[in-house]
């Protein structure tokens, strides 16, 4: 039962993190009015996750 709680907690935390990152990307898009800025930042974010994860 504890493992189920742990997995559920990680799932909820992941949803919150993805929501925050999406909000930040949306804010950057509104400020720059450029999808390329968001694409580049997203690529750098994925690169950093690949390196440090």
C-alpha atoms as a PDB file:
ATOM      1  CA  UNK A   1       0.000   0.000   0.000  1.00  0.00           C
ATOM      2  CA  UNK A   2       2.864   2.375   0.739  1.00  0.00           C
ATOM      3  CA  UNK A   3       4.271   1.964  -2.761  1.00  0.00           C
ATOM      4  CA  UNK A   4       0.902   2.951  -4.232  1.00  0.00           C
ATOM      5  CA  UNK A   5       0.900   6.120  -2.113  1.00  0.00           C
ATOM      6  CA  UNK A   6       4.477   6.884  -3.194  1.00  0.00           C
ATOM      7  CA  UNK A   7       3.675   6.429  -6.894  1.00  0.00           C
ATOM      8  CA  UNK A   8       0.531   8.557  -6.583  1.00  0.00           C
ATOM      9  CA  UNK A   9       2.508  11.286  -4.809  1.00  0.00           C
ATOM     10  CA  UNK A  10       5.159  11.307  -7.545  1.00  0.00           C
ATOM     11  CA  UNK A  11       2.417  11.507 -10.176  1.00  0.00           C
ATOM     12  CA  UNK A  12       0.824  14.530  -8.453  1.00  0.00           C
ATOM     13  CA  UNK A  13       4.200  16.242  -8.070  1.00  0.00           C
ATOM     14  CA  UNK A  14       4.920  15.639 -11.763  1.00  0.00           C
ATOM     15  CA  UNK A  15       1.600  17.200 -12.754  1.00  0.00           C
ATOM     16  CA  UNK A  16       2.343  20.290 -10.657  1.00  0.00           C
ATOM     17  CA  UNK A  17       5.837  20.640 -12.132  1.00  0.00           C
ATOM     18  CA  UNK A  18       4.550  20.279 -15.704  1.00  0.00           C
ATOM     19  CA  UNK A  19       1.826  22.847 -15.009  1.00  0.00           C
ATOM     20  CA  UNK A  20       4.349  25.368 -13.642  1.00  0.00           C
ATOM     21  CA  UNK A  21       6.725  24.849 -16.574  1.00  0.00           C
ATOM     22  CA  UNK A  22       3.816  25.241 -19.006  1.00  0.00           C
ATOM     23  CA  UNK A  23       2.749  28.465 -17.310  1.00  0.00           C
ATOM     24  CA  UNK A  24       6.309  29.800 -17.524  1.00  0.00           C
ATOM     25  CA  UNK A  25       6.531  28.871 -21.203  1.00  0.00           C
ATOM     26  CA  UNK A  26       3.179  30.535 -21.829  1.00  0.00           C
ATOM     27  CA  UNK A  27       4.365  33.679 -20.044  1.00  0.00           C
ATOM     28  CA  UNK A  28       7.556  33.738 -22.117  1.00  0.00           C
ATOM     29  CA  UNK A  29       5.532  33.308 -25.303  1.00  0.00           C
ATOM     30  CA  UNK A  30       3.223  36.205 -24.374  1.00  0.00           C
ATOM     31  CA  UNK A  31       6.164  38.462 -23.497  1.00  0.00           C
ATOM     32  CA  UNK A  32       8.275  37.688 -26.574  1.00  0.00           C
ATOM     33  CA  UNK A  33       5.430  36.916 -28.997  1.00  0.00           C
ATOM     34  CA  UNK A  34       7.756  34.301 -30.467  1.00  0.00           C
ATOM     35  CA  UNK A  35       7.280  30.559 -30.447  1.00  0.00           C
ATOM     36  CA  UNK A  36      10.974  30.118 -31.244  1.00  0.00           C
ATOM     37  CA  UNK A  37      11.960  31.500 -27.848  1.00  0.00           C
ATOM     38  CA  UNK A  38       9.843  28.842 -26.164  1.00  0.00           C
ATOM     39  CA  UNK A  39      11.163  26.095 -28.449  1.00  0.00           C
ATOM     40  CA  UNK A  40      14.772  27.029 -27.656  1.00  0.00           C
ATOM     41  CA  UNK A  41      14.131  27.234 -23.903  1.00  0.00           C
ATOM     42  CA  UNK A  42      12.292  23.911 -24.011  1.00  0.00           C
ATOM     43  CA  UNK A  43      15.219  22.326 -25.869  1.00  0.00           C
ATOM     44  CA  UNK A  44      17.708  23.660 -23.315  1.00  0.00           C
ATOM     45  CA  UNK A  45      15.474  22.410 -20.502  1.00  0.00           C
ATOM     46  CA  UNK A  46      15.343  18.922 -22.040  1.00  0.00           C
ATOM     47  CA  UNK A  47      19.112  18.954 -22.553  1.00  0.00           C
ATOM     48  CA  UNK A  48      19.721  19.883 -18.915  1.00  0.00           C
ATOM     49  CA  UNK A  49      17.326  17.153 -17.745  1.00  0.00           C
ATOM     50  CA  UNK A  50      19.191  14.633 -19.903  1.00  0.00           C
ATOM     51  CA  UNK A  51      22.564  15.674 -18.523  1.00  0.00           C
ATOM     52  CA  UNK A  52      21.676  15.915 -14.826  1.00  0.00           C
ATOM     53  CA  UNK A  53      19.094  13.172 -14.543  1.00  0.00           C
END
